[in-house]
Amino acid sequence: MSPRRGPAGPHPRRPGGHRRHEIHLVTSIPASAYRALPPVLAGQVPGGGWLLFAYLAYAEQMAEAYEAAHHQIADSAGPSQAGVHIAASASPSAFAASLARTLAERHNVGSTVYWGNEGFCIDLALHHPRRREDVTLGILCDGVRFAQAEDPVEWDIFRTGILECQGWRLHRLWSPDFFRDPDGNTRKLLREMKEFLKQEEQAEAMVKSAGAEE
């Protein structure tokens, strides 16, 4: 199971706090071994092997159910204009909000501004173009939210490390650098998002290929 987000409060890669869980079963156990489990007879206690196989079967069913629900949502939704959701924050950034609106208006890339709790907040979480409940990159801006910390730089490094360990792909923007070359910085950001999507598609293709070979 891929590692996905934690301290950014509620699960940070889904609006409302619930992130899509990607279930990738990587095991040498043949799928046929856990797809046809014998029932537990009355009075018996299942052993560790049975419980492991039951978990693998459950995880596979959950992955299939999620994909089916996702396709149903995708099929029912037509093309839509990118939106911007600005959450409440004790340390708002005019730069982050302005960047979000620019990305939506000029590049049709939606985002949520201030995703997560104050200590581990993502300044901009870019919405996924195909899965409305998911996101692609997390953008970290100037770090003004740590002005009250004893060592703002140390806390920013700590936050970054925690988020990366949880699976976030982060892109950092400093406003002075951005304003020196806004177009170049925007192109770089969009390139990284496209690279993320390309890598995601390749990983999903590999998982499907592995499943077809079983």
Foldseek 3Di string as FASTA:
>chain_A
DAFFADQLAARQFFPVRDADDADFDDDPDDLVVLCDQDDDDPPDDDDPVNVVSPVVNVSVVVNVVVVVVLVVVLVVDDDDQAEEAEDDDPQDDPVLVVVQVCCRPPPRWHWYAFGGDLLQTQRIFIADRRGRGGTFAGEAEDQPSCPVPPDSVVSVVVSVVVNVVRPHHYDYYYVVVCVVPVPVVVVVVVVVRVVRVVVVVVVVVVSVVVVVVD
